[in-house]
PDB file of N, CA and C in Angstrom:
ATOM      1  N   UNK A   1      -7.683 -14.087   6.683  1.00  0.00           N
ATOM      2  CA  UNK A   1      -6.855 -13.143   7.062  1.00  0.00           C
ATOM      3  C   UNK A   1      -7.485 -11.740   7.714  1.00  0.00           C
ATOM      4  N   UNK A   2      -6.874 -11.718   9.211  1.00  0.00           N
ATOM      5  CA  UNK A   2      -7.609 -10.266   9.491  1.00  0.00           C
ATOM      6  C   UNK A   2      -6.799  -9.502   9.624  1.00  0.00           C
ATOM      7  N   UNK A   3      -7.061  -8.741   9.532  1.00  0.00           N
ATOM      8  CA  UNK A   3      -5.801  -7.924  10.808  1.00  0.00           C
ATOM      9  C   UNK A   3      -6.700  -6.356  11.212  1.00  0.00           C
ATOM     10  N   UNK A   4      -6.147  -6.766  12.226  1.00  0.00           N
ATOM     11  CA  UNK A   4      -7.151  -5.923  13.603  1.00  0.00           C
ATOM     12  C   UNK A   4      -6.187  -4.516  13.866  1.00  0.00           C
ATOM     13  N   UNK A   5      -6.912  -3.553  13.778  1.00  0.00           N
ATOM     14  CA  UNK A   5      -6.093  -1.308  14.142  1.00  0.00           C
ATOM     15  C   UNK A   5      -7.414  -1.389  14.739  1.00  0.00           C
ATOM     16  N   UNK A   6      -6.953   0.146  15.504  1.00  0.00           N
ATOM     17  CA  UNK A   6      -7.428   0.770  16.328  1.00  0.00           C
ATOM     18  C   UNK A   6      -7.488   2.339  15.295  1.00  0.00           C
ATOM     19  N   UNK A   7      -8.371   2.891  15.418  1.00  0.00           N
ATOM     20  CA  UNK A   7      -8.571   4.010  14.645  1.00  0.00           C
ATOM     21  C   UNK A   7      -7.329   4.379  16.121  1.00  0.00           C
ATOM     22  N   UNK A   8      -7.333   5.204  15.348  1.00  0.00           N
ATOM     23  CA  UNK A   8      -5.556   6.376  15.849  1.00  0.00           C
ATOM     24  C   UNK A   8      -3.976   5.482  15.409  1.00  0.00           C
ATOM     25  N   UNK A   9      -4.548   4.655  14.848  1.00  0.00           N
ATOM     26  CA  UNK A   9      -3.537   3.404  15.266  1.00  0.00           C
ATOM     27  C   UNK A   9      -2.459   4.914  13.814  1.00  0.00           C
ATOM     28  N   UNK A  10      -0.579   4.505  13.898  1.00  0.00           N
ATOM     29  CA  UNK A  10      -0.353   4.434  12.551  1.00  0.00           C
ATOM     30  C   UNK A  10       1.034   3.913  12.535  1.00  0.00           C
ATOM     31  N   UNK A  11       1.030   3.552  11.404  1.00  0.00           N
ATOM     32  CA  UNK A  11       1.729   2.264  11.520  1.00  0.00           C
ATOM     33  C   UNK A  11       1.439   1.498  10.154  1.00  0.00           C
ATOM     34  N   UNK A  12       2.824   1.130   9.748  1.00  0.00           N
ATOM     35  CA  UNK A  12       2.802   0.246   8.123  1.00  0.00           C
ATOM     36  C   UNK A  12       2.381  -1.156   7.972  1.00  0.00           C
ATOM     37  N   UNK A  13       1.555  -1.363   6.899  1.00  0.00           N
ATOM     38  CA  UNK A  13       1.325  -3.134   7.157  1.00  0.00           C
ATOM     39  C   UNK A  13       2.177  -3.571   5.883  1.00  0.00           C
ATOM     40  N   UNK A  14       2.774  -5.048   5.578  1.00  0.00           N
ATOM     41  CA  UNK A  14       3.092  -5.794   5.409  1.00  0.00           C
ATOM     42  C   UNK A  14       3.031  -5.840   4.660  1.00  0.00           C
ATOM     43  N   UNK A  15       2.917  -6.454   3.101  1.00  0.00           N
ATOM     44  CA  UNK A  15       1.869  -7.522   2.391  1.00  0.00           C
ATOM     45  C   UNK A  15       3.062  -7.571   1.230  1.00  0.00           C
ATOM     46  N   UNK A  16       2.689  -9.368   1.709  1.00  0.00           N
ATOM     47  CA  UNK A  16       3.788  -9.943  -0.146  1.00  0.00           C
ATOM     48  C   UNK A  16       2.220 -10.141  -1.086  1.00  0.00           C
ATOM     49  N   UNK A  17       2.943  -9.924  -1.709  1.00  0.00           N
ATOM     50  CA  UNK A  17       1.864 -10.603  -3.146  1.00  0.00           C
ATOM     51  C   UNK A  17       1.841 -11.385  -4.235  1.00  0.00           C
ATOM     52  N   UNK A  18       1.446 -12.707  -4.344  1.00  0.00           N
ATOM     53  CA  UNK A  18       1.017 -13.765  -4.805  1.00  0.00           C
ATOM     54  C   UNK A  18      -0.132 -14.379  -6.301  1.00  0.00           C
ATOM     55  N   UNK A  19       1.063 -14.413  -7.208  1.00  0.00           N
ATOM     56  CA  UNK A  19      -0.369 -14.984  -8.373  1.00  0.00           C
ATOM     57  C   UNK A  19      -0.425 -15.802  -8.848  1.00  0.00           C
ATOM     58  N   UNK A  20      -1.011 -16.991  -8.861  1.00  0.00           N
ATOM     59  CA  UNK A  20      -1.069 -18.524  -8.802  1.00  0.00           C
ATOM     60  C   UNK A  20       0.469 -19.089  -8.529  1.00  0.00           C
ATOM     61  N   UNK A  21      -0.204 -18.806  -6.169  1.00  0.00           N
ATOM     62  CA  UNK A  21       0.797 -19.517  -5.693  1.00  0.00           C
ATOM     63  C   UNK A  21       2.329 -18.666  -5.341  1.00  0.00           C
ATOM     64  N   UNK A  22       2.428 -18.285  -6.251  1.00  0.00           N
ATOM     65  CA  UNK A  22       4.017 -17.908  -6.847  1.00  0.00           C
ATOM     66  C   UNK A  22       3.941 -16.230  -6.115  1.00  0.00           C
ATOM     67  N   UNK A  23       5.292 -15.575  -5.392  1.00  0.00           N
ATOM     68  CA  UNK A  23       5.353 -14.618  -5.555  1.00  0.00           C
ATOM     69  C   UNK A  23       6.200 -13.753  -6.615  1.00  0.00           C
ATOM     70  N   UNK A  24       5.229 -12.765  -6.721  1.00  0.00           N
ATOM     71  CA  UNK A  24       5.566 -12.080  -8.279  1.00  0.00           C
ATOM     72  C   UNK A  24       7.420 -10.999  -7.344  1.00  0.00           C
ATOM     73  N   UNK A  25       7.272 -10.731  -8.635  1.00  0.00           N
ATOM     74  CA  UNK A  25       8.867 -10.404  -7.794  1.00  0.00           C
ATOM     75  C   UNK A  25       8.612  -8.567  -8.269  1.00  0.00           C
ATOM     76  N   UNK A  26       9.653  -8.089  -7.632  1.00  0.00           N
ATOM     77  CA  UNK A  26       9.127  -6.112  -8.040  1.00  0.00           C
ATOM     78  C   UNK A  26       9.939  -5.468  -8.841  1.00  0.00           C
ATOM     79  N   UNK A  27      10.430  -6.203  -9.468  1.00  0.00           N
ATOM     80  CA  UNK A  27      11.128  -6.546 -10.651  1.00  0.00           C
ATOM     81  C   UNK A  27      10.567  -5.965 -12.231  1.00  0.00           C
ATOM     82  N   UNK A  28       9.129  -7.113 -11.683  1.00  0.00           N
ATOM     83  CA  UNK A  28       7.639  -6.614 -12.822  1.00  0.00           C
ATOM     84  C   UNK A  28       6.965  -6.133 -12.500  1.00  0.00           C
ATOM     85  N   UNK A  29       6.528  -4.837 -11.976  1.00  0.00           N
ATOM     86  CA  UNK A  29       6.172  -4.747 -11.033  1.00  0.00           C
ATOM     87  C   UNK A  29       6.129  -2.828 -11.908  1.00  0.00           C
ATOM     88  N   UNK A  30       5.297  -2.808 -12.642  1.00  0.00           N
ATOM     89  CA  UNK A  30       5.100  -0.738 -12.688  1.00  0.00           C
ATOM     90  C   UNK A  30       4.521  -0.234 -11.521  1.00  0.00           C
ATOM     91  N   UNK A  31       3.234  -1.205 -11.190  1.00  0.00           N
ATOM     92  CA  UNK A  31       2.688  -0.095 -10.624  1.00  0.00           C
ATOM     93  C   UNK A  31       1.978  -1.409  -9.837  1.00  0.00           C
ATOM     94  N   UNK A  32       0.652  -0.333  -8.332  1.00  0.00           N
ATOM     95  CA  UNK A  32       0.228  -1.398  -7.421  1.00  0.00           C
ATOM     96  C   UNK A  32      -0.204  -0.751  -6.584  1.00  0.00           C
ATOM     97  N   UNK A  33      -1.454  -0.846  -6.559  1.00  0.00           N
ATOM     98  CA  UNK A  33      -3.069   0.210  -6.335  1.00  0.00           C
ATOM     99  C   UNK A  33      -3.003  -1.457  -4.939  1.00  0.00           C
ATOM    100  N   UNK A  34      -3.097  -0.632  -3.360  1.00  0.00           N
ATOM    101  CA  UNK A  34      -3.852  -1.320  -2.573  1.00  0.00           C
ATOM    102  C   UNK A  34      -4.840  -0.260  -1.872  1.00  0.00           C
ATOM    103  N   UNK A  35      -5.837  -1.044  -2.042  1.00  0.00           N
ATOM    104  CA  UNK A  35      -7.187   0.102  -1.625  1.00  0.00           C
ATOM    105  C   UNK A  35      -7.733  -0.960  -0.215  1.00  0.00           C
ATOM    106  N   UNK A  36      -8.223   0.055   1.006  1.00  0.00           N
ATOM    107  CA  UNK A  36      -9.104  -0.210   1.992  1.00  0.00           C
ATOM    108  C   UNK A  36      -9.879   0.869   2.294  1.00  0.00           C
ATOM    109  N   UNK A  37     -11.574   0.133   2.560  1.00  0.00           N
ATOM    110  CA  UNK A  37     -12.537   1.543   1.773  1.00  0.00           C
ATOM    111  C   UNK A  37     -12.124   2.360   1.496  1.00  0.00           C
ATOM    112  N   UNK A  38     -11.997   3.479   2.108  1.00  0.00           N
ATOM    113  CA  UNK A  38     -11.497   4.835   0.958  1.00  0.00           C
ATOM    114  C   UNK A  38     -10.180   5.436   0.677  1.00  0.00           C
ATOM    115  N   UNK A  39      -9.779   4.310   1.304  1.00  0.00           N
ATOM    116  CA  UNK A  39      -8.355   4.922   1.273  1.00  0.00           C
ATOM    117  C   UNK A  39      -7.373   4.077   0.781  1.00  0.00           C
ATOM    118  N   UNK A  40      -6.890   5.066  -0.540  1.00  0.00           N
ATOM    119  CA  UNK A  40      -5.748   4.235  -1.996  1.00  0.00           C
ATOM    120  C   UNK A  40      -4.408   4.061  -1.551  1.00  0.00           C
ATOM    121  N   UNK A  41      -3.714   3.701  -1.106  1.00  0.00           N
ATOM    122  CA  UNK A  41      -2.540   3.635  -1.432  1.00  0.00           C
ATOM    123  C   UNK A  41      -1.813   3.299  -2.495  1.00  0.00           C
ATOM    124  N   UNK A  42      -0.376   3.699  -3.565  1.00  0.00           N
ATOM    125  CA  UNK A  42       0.138   3.333  -4.674  1.00  0.00           C
ATOM    126  C   UNK A  42       1.289   2.848  -4.648  1.00  0.00           C
ATOM    127  N   UNK A  43       2.367   1.866  -5.071  1.00  0.00           N
ATOM    128  CA  UNK A  43       3.327   1.640  -5.336  1.00  0.00           C
ATOM    129  C   UNK A  43       4.095   2.107  -6.388  1.00  0.00           C
ATOM    130  N   UNK A  44       4.663   3.517  -6.602  1.00  0.00           N
ATOM    131  CA  UNK A  44       6.061   3.782  -5.804  1.00  0.00           C
ATOM    132  C   UNK A  44       5.795   4.371  -5.824  1.00  0.00           C
ATOM    133  N   UNK A  45       4.276   5.699  -5.250  1.00  0.00           N
ATOM    134  CA  UNK A  45       4.024   6.494  -4.997  1.00  0.00           C
ATOM    135  C   UNK A  45       4.089   6.970  -3.313  1.00  0.00           C
ATOM    136  N   UNK A  46       3.356   6.673  -2.508  1.00  0.00           N
ATOM    137  CA  UNK A  46       3.166   6.647  -1.370  1.00  0.00           C
ATOM    138  C   UNK A  46       3.635   4.759  -0.311  1.00  0.00           C
ATOM    139  N   UNK A  47       3.472   3.869  -1.282  1.00  0.00           N
ATOM    140  CA  UNK A  47       4.098   2.741  -0.636  1.00  0.00           C
ATOM    141  C   UNK A  47       5.864   2.204  -1.299  1.00  0.00           C
ATOM    142  N   UNK A  48       6.423   1.707  -0.232  1.00  0.00           N
ATOM    143  CA  UNK A  48       7.835   1.303  -0.949  1.00  0.00           C
ATOM    144  C   UNK A  48       7.959  -0.136  -0.226  1.00  0.00           C
ATOM    145  N   UNK A  49       9.143  -1.290  -0.587  1.00  0.00           N
ATOM    146  CA  UNK A  49       9.565  -2.346  -1.046  1.00  0.00           C
ATOM    147  C   UNK A  49      10.580  -2.628  -0.255  1.00  0.00           C
ATOM    148  N   UNK A  50      10.006  -3.694   0.366  1.00  0.00           N
ATOM    149  CA  UNK A  50      11.369  -4.181   0.809  1.00  0.00           C
ATOM    150  C   UNK A  50      11.698  -5.112   0.454  1.00  0.00           C
ATOM    151  N   UNK A  51      12.688  -5.490   0.162  1.00  0.00           N
ATOM    152  CA  UNK A  51      14.059  -6.814  -1.144  1.00  0.00           C
ATOM    153  C   UNK A  51      13.786  -7.921  -0.424  1.00  0.00           C
ATOM    154  N   UNK A  52      14.338  -7.704   1.413  1.00  0.00           N
ATOM    155  CA  UNK A  52      15.184  -8.274   2.489  1.00  0.00           C
ATOM    156  C   UNK A  52      13.557  -8.539   2.115  1.00  0.00           C
ATOM    157  N   UNK A  53      12.532  -8.577   2.686  1.00  0.00           N
ATOM    158  CA  UNK A  53      11.559  -9.368   2.971  1.00  0.00           C
ATOM    159  C   UNK A  53      11.152  -9.707   1.526  1.00  0.00           C
ATOM    160  N   UNK A  54      10.932  -9.534   0.895  1.00  0.00           N
ATOM    161  CA  UNK A  54       9.492  -9.610  -0.171  1.00  0.00           C
ATOM    162  C   UNK A  54       8.420  -8.880  -0.349  1.00  0.00           C
ATOM    163  N   UNK A  55       8.591  -7.888   0.805  1.00  0.00           N
ATOM    164  CA  UNK A  55       6.455  -7.632   0.851  1.00  0.00           C
ATOM    165  C   UNK A  55       6.624  -5.270   0.885  1.00  0.00           C
ATOM    166  N   UNK A  56       5.622  -5.438   0.123  1.00  0.00           N
ATOM    167  CA  UNK A  56       5.170  -4.194  -0.094  1.00  0.00           C
ATOM    168  C   UNK A  56       5.160  -3.179   1.512  1.00  0.00           C
ATOM    169  N   UNK A  57       5.472  -1.913   1.486  1.00  0.00           N
ATOM    170  CA  UNK A  57       4.638  -1.261   2.832  1.00  0.00           C
ATOM    171  C   UNK A  57       3.946  -0.516   2.679  1.00  0.00           C
ATOM    172  N   UNK A  58       2.965  -0.641   3.400  1.00  0.00           N
ATOM    173  CA  UNK A  58       1.666   0.843   2.738  1.00  0.00           C
ATOM    174  C   UNK A  58       1.909   0.953   4.243  1.00  0.00           C
ATOM    175  N   UNK A  59       2.055   2.614   4.722  1.00  0.00           N
ATOM    176  CA  UNK A  59       1.773   3.682   5.444  1.00  0.00           C
ATOM    177  C   UNK A  59       0.599   3.993   5.554  1.00  0.00           C
ATOM    178  N   UNK A  60      -0.073   3.411   6.780  1.00  0.00           N
ATOM    179  CA  UNK A  60      -1.425   4.007   7.151  1.00  0.00           C
ATOM    180  C   UNK A  60      -0.921   5.145   8.729  1.00  0.00           C
ATOM    181  N   UNK A  61      -1.095   6.666   8.187  1.00  0.00           N
ATOM    182  CA  UNK A  61      -0.752   7.395   9.808  1.00  0.00           C
ATOM    183  C   UNK A  61      -2.660   7.530  10.201  1.00  0.00           C
ATOM    184  N   UNK A  62      -2.110   9.005  10.847  1.00  0.00           N
ATOM    185  CA  UNK A  62      -3.982   8.322  12.154  1.00  0.00           C
ATOM    186  C   UNK A  62      -4.707   8.855  11.239  1.00  0.00           C
ATOM    187  N   UNK A  63      -5.100   9.922  10.912  1.00  0.00           N
ATOM    188  CA  UNK A  63      -6.090   9.945   9.959  1.00  0.00           C
ATOM    189  C   UNK A  63      -6.208   9.261   8.493  1.00  0.00           C
ATOM    190  N   UNK A  64      -5.480   8.720   8.378  1.00  0.00           N
ATOM    191  CA  UNK A  64      -6.163   7.561   7.428  1.00  0.00           C
ATOM    192  C   UNK A  64      -7.271   6.256   8.584  1.00  0.00           C
ATOM    193  N   UNK A  65      -6.089   5.888   9.265  1.00  0.00           N
ATOM    194  CA  UNK A  65      -6.930   4.849  10.851  1.00  0.00           C
ATOM    195  C   UNK A  65      -8.496   5.387  10.750  1.00  0.00           C
ATOM    196  N   UNK A  66      -8.734   6.699  11.131  1.00  0.00           N
ATOM    197  CA  UNK A  66      -9.026   7.240  11.935  1.00  0.00           C
ATOM    198  C   UNK A  66     -10.683   7.474  10.626  1.00  0.00           C
ATOM    199  N   UNK A  67     -10.010   7.269   9.604  1.00  0.00           N
ATOM    200  CA  UNK A  67     -11.375   7.512   8.361  1.00  0.00           C
ATOM    201  C   UNK A  67     -11.659   5.961   8.231  1.00  0.00           C
ATOM    202  N   UNK A  68     -11.912   4.685   8.807  1.00  0.00           N
ATOM    203  CA  UNK A  68     -11.569   3.401   9.131  1.00  0.00           C
ATOM    204  C   UNK A  68     -13.399   3.538   9.831  1.00  0.00           C
ATOM    205  N   UNK A  69     -14.496   2.604   9.954  1.00  0.00           N
ATOM    206  CA  UNK A  69     -15.791   2.611  10.769  1.00  0.00           C
ATOM    207  C   UNK A  69     -14.573   2.301  11.906  1.00  0.00           C
ATOM    208  N   UNK A  70     -15.483   3.132  12.757  1.00  0.00           N
ATOM    209  CA  UNK A  70     -15.433   2.524  14.397  1.00  0.00           C
ATOM    210  C   UNK A  70     -16.457   1.122  14.532  1.00  0.00           C
ATOM    211  N   UNK A  71     -15.500  -0.507  15.517  1.00  0.00           N
ATOM    212  CA  UNK A  71     -16.028  -0.601  15.944  1.00  0.00           C
ATOM    213  C   UNK A  71     -16.627  -1.804  14.508  1.00  0.00           C
ATOM    214  N   UNK A  72     -15.383  -1.946  13.531  1.00  0.00           N
ATOM    215  CA  UNK A  72     -16.043  -2.054  11.555  1.00  0.00           C
ATOM    216  C   UNK A  72     -14.696  -3.080  11.241  1.00  0.00           C
ATOM    217  N   UNK A  73     -15.867  -3.859   9.801  1.00  0.00           N
ATOM    218  CA  UNK A  73     -14.505  -4.396   9.306  1.00  0.00           C
ATOM    219  C   UNK A  73     -14.718  -3.453   7.488  1.00  0.00           C
ATOM    220  N   UNK A  74     -14.442  -3.314   7.342  1.00  0.00           N
ATOM    221  CA  UNK A  74     -13.604  -3.355   5.790  1.00  0.00           C
ATOM    222  C   UNK A  74     -12.392  -3.926   5.070  1.00  0.00           C
ATOM    223  N   UNK A  75     -13.396  -4.431   3.978  1.00  0.00           N
ATOM    224  CA  UNK A  75     -12.169  -5.478   2.811  1.00  0.00           C
ATOM    225  C   UNK A  75     -10.238  -4.747   2.762  1.00  0.00           C
ATOM    226  N   UNK A  76      -9.742  -4.906   2.323  1.00  0.00           N
ATOM    227  CA  UNK A  76      -8.662  -4.516   1.661  1.00  0.00           C
ATOM    228  C   UNK A  76      -8.073  -5.700   0.315  1.00  0.00           C
ATOM    229  N   UNK A  77      -8.002  -4.960  -0.652  1.00  0.00           N
ATOM    230  CA  UNK A  77      -8.371  -5.268  -2.602  1.00  0.00           C
ATOM    231  C   UNK A  77      -6.267  -5.282  -2.227  1.00  0.00           C
ATOM    232  N   UNK A  78      -6.285  -5.394  -3.336  1.00  0.00           N
ATOM    233  CA  UNK A  78      -4.280  -5.556  -3.824  1.00  0.00           C
ATOM    234  C   UNK A  78      -4.788  -5.262  -6.084  1.00  0.00           C
ATOM    235  N   UNK A  79      -4.323  -4.368  -6.627  1.00  0.00           N
ATOM    236  CA  UNK A  79      -4.377  -5.068  -7.955  1.00  0.00           C
ATOM    237  C   UNK A  79      -2.966  -4.261  -8.196  1.00  0.00           C
ATOM    238  N   UNK A  80      -2.518  -5.028  -9.321  1.00  0.00           N
ATOM    239  CA  UNK A  80      -1.226  -5.212 -10.009  1.00  0.00           C
ATOM    240  C   UNK A  80      -1.223  -5.029 -10.997  1.00  0.00           C
ATOM    241  N   UNK A  81      -0.281  -3.807 -11.350  1.00  0.00           N
ATOM    242  CA  UNK A  81       0.422  -2.939 -12.936  1.00  0.00           C
ATOM    243  C   UNK A  81       1.358  -3.780 -13.370  1.00  0.00           C
ATOM    244  N   UNK A  82       1.414  -5.190 -13.990  1.00  0.00           N
ATOM    245  CA  UNK A  82       3.307  -5.184 -13.899  1.00  0.00           C
ATOM    246  C   UNK A  82       3.772  -4.366 -15.575  1.00  0.00           C
ATOM    247  N   UNK A  83       4.809  -4.146 -15.699  1.00  0.00           N
ATOM    248  CA  UNK A  83       5.801  -3.671 -16.548  1.00  0.00           C
ATOM    249  C   UNK A  83       5.488  -3.876 -17.854  1.00  0.00           C
ATOM    250  N   UNK A  84       3.979  -4.745 -18.147  1.00  0.00           N
ATOM    251  CA  UNK A  84       3.813  -4.976 -20.318  1.00  0.00           C
ATOM    252  C   UNK A  84       2.218  -4.929 -20.276  1.00  0.00           C
ATOM    253  N   UNK A  85       1.811  -4.257 -19.193  1.00  0.00           N
ATOM    254  CA  UNK A  85       0.794  -3.875 -18.926  1.00  0.00           C
ATOM    255  C   UNK A  85      -0.635  -4.492 -18.762  1.00  0.00           C
ATOM    256  N   UNK A  86      -0.906  -5.875 -17.925  1.00  0.00           N
ATOM    257  CA  UNK A  86      -1.867  -6.863 -17.600  1.00  0.00           C
ATOM    258  C   UNK A  86      -1.325  -6.216 -16.144  1.00  0.00           C
ATOM    259  N   UNK A  87      -3.089  -6.383 -15.873  1.00  0.00           N
ATOM    260  CA  UNK A  87      -2.824  -5.878 -14.590  1.00  0.00           C
ATOM    261  C   UNK A  87      -4.172  -6.886 -13.944  1.00  0.00           C
ATOM    262  N   UNK A  88      -3.666  -7.434 -12.568  1.00  0.00           N
ATOM    263  CA  UNK A  88      -4.455  -8.067 -12.057  1.00  0.00           C
ATOM    264  C   UNK A  88      -4.655  -7.996 -10.129  1.00  0.00           C
ATOM    265  N   UNK A  89      -5.606  -8.844 -10.438  1.00  0.00           N
ATOM    266  CA  UNK A  89      -6.228  -8.252  -8.405  1.00  0.00           C
ATOM    267  C   UNK A  89      -5.677  -9.639  -8.593  1.00  0.00           C
ATOM    268  N   UNK A  90      -6.029  -9.183  -6.794  1.00  0.00           N
ATOM    269  CA  UNK A  90      -5.479 -10.473  -6.206  1.00  0.00           C
ATOM    270  C   UNK A  90      -6.247 -11.407  -5.505  1.00  0.00           C
ATOM    271  N   UNK A  91      -6.758 -12.656  -5.256  1.00  0.00           N
ATOM    272  CA  UNK A  91      -7.615 -13.238  -5.110  1.00  0.00           C
ATOM    273  C   UNK A  91      -9.052 -13.216  -4.105  1.00  0.00           C
ATOM    274  N   UNK A  92      -7.920 -13.487  -3.177  1.00  0.00           N
ATOM    275  CA  UNK A  92      -8.112 -13.467  -1.469  1.00  0.00           C
ATOM    276  C   UNK A  92      -8.091 -12.024  -0.827  1.00  0.00           C
ATOM    277  N   UNK A  93      -9.187 -11.466  -0.978  1.00  0.00           N
ATOM    278  CA  UNK A  93      -9.550 -10.126  -0.360  1.00  0.00           C
ATOM    279  C   UNK A  93      -9.795 -10.743   1.897  1.00  0.00           C
ATOM    280  N   UNK A  94      -8.049  -9.682   2.265  1.00  0.00           N
ATOM    281  CA  UNK A  94      -8.382  -9.502   3.615  1.00  0.00           C
ATOM    282  C   UNK A  94      -9.088  -7.897   4.012  1.00  0.00           C
ATOM    283  N   UNK A  95      -9.302  -8.749   5.624  1.00  0.00           N
ATOM    284  CA  UNK A  95      -9.822  -7.803   6.341  1.00  0.00           C
ATOM    285  C   UNK A  95     -10.148  -6.981   7.370  1.00  0.00           C
ATOM    286  N   UNK A  96     -10.061  -5.443   7.126  1.00  0.00           N
ATOM    287  CA  UNK A  96      -9.305  -5.014   7.885  1.00  0.00           C
ATOM    288  C   UNK A  96     -10.323  -4.963   9.243  1.00  0.00           C
ATOM    289  N   UNK A  97      -9.863  -5.235  10.331  1.00  0.00           N
ATOM    290  CA  UNK A  97     -10.642  -5.331  11.310  1.00  0.00           C
ATOM    291  C   UNK A  97     -10.865  -4.453  12.078  1.00  0.00           C
ATOM    292  N   UNK A  98     -11.293  -2.913  12.400  1.00  0.00           N
ATOM    293  CA  UNK A  98     -11.157  -1.811  12.636  1.00  0.00           C
ATOM    294  C   UNK A  98     -12.229  -1.497  14.506  1.00  0.00           C
ATOM    295  N   UNK A  99     -10.375  -0.726  15.682  1.00  0.00           N
ATOM    296  CA  UNK A  99     -11.448  -0.582  16.893  1.00  0.00           C
ATOM    297  C   UNK A  99     -11.579   1.114  17.706  1.00  0.00           C
ATOM    298  N   UNK A 100     -12.519   0.934  18.563  1.00  0.00           N
ATOM    299  CA  UNK A 100     -12.930   2.032  18.812  1.00  0.00           C
ATOM    300  C   UNK A 100     -11.758   2.672  19.409  1.00  0.00           C
ATOM    301  N   UNK A 101     -12.074   4.032  18.530  1.00  0.00           N
ATOM    302  CA  UNK A 101     -10.556   4.936  19.551  1.00  0.00           C
ATOM    303  C   UNK A 101     -11.393   5.947  20.589  1.00  0.00           C
ATOM    304  N   UNK A 102     -11.059   5.566  22.094  1.00  0.00           N
ATOM    305  CA  UNK A 102     -11.838   6.882  22.876  1.00  0.00           C
ATOM    306  C   UNK A 102     -11.903   8.265  22.307  1.00  0.00           C
ATOM    307  N   UNK A 103     -10.511   8.898  22.058  1.00  0.00           N
ATOM    308  CA  UNK A 103      -9.912  10.006  21.365  1.00  0.00           C
ATOM    309  C   UNK A 103     -10.047   9.014  19.768  1.00  0.00           C
ATOM    310  N   UNK A 104     -10.107  10.818  19.429  1.00  0.00           N
ATOM    311  CA  UNK A 104     -10.394  11.039  18.687  1.00  0.00           C
ATOM    312  C   UNK A 104      -8.904  12.364  17.709  1.00  0.00           C
ATOM    313  N   UNK A 105      -7.643  12.525  18.734  1.00  0.00           N
ATOM    314  CA  UNK A 105      -7.285  13.531  17.999  1.00  0.00           C
ATOM    315  C   UNK A 105      -6.402  12.666  17.832  1.00  0.00           C
ATOM    316  N   UNK A 106      -5.519  13.416  16.210  1.00  0.00           N
ATOM    317  CA  UNK A 106      -4.279  13.329  16.937  1.00  0.00           C
ATOM    318  C   UNK A 106      -2.815  13.486  16.626  1.00  0.00           C
ATOM    319  N   UNK A 107      -1.843  12.324  17.038  1.00  0.00           N
ATOM    320  CA  UNK A 107      -0.918  13.458  18.824  1.00  0.00           C
ATOM    321  C   UNK A 107       0.652  13.526  17.167  1.00  0.00           C
TER     322      UNK A 107
END
């Protein structure tokens, strides 16, 4: 599945994480690393969790999306560190497709 963004977008990307087909419980999580290109966001520092939807909410501001390649694609990867110390990466990597923006000004 690909996520499409335009450079300069400011948005929140909801991410549901499953391990071996079962959605993980946030109560078992110590830290989650989200990487897309050079952008790194970490739960609970910059990423929040919505218990109602079961999704981690990864914010991308305009500066972040301007750093993504114009009319290109980057891989989106997730690694979870559980409270017991185990670290597990996701198996399926999503691609974020970026569209070039005419304006490169932050508004």
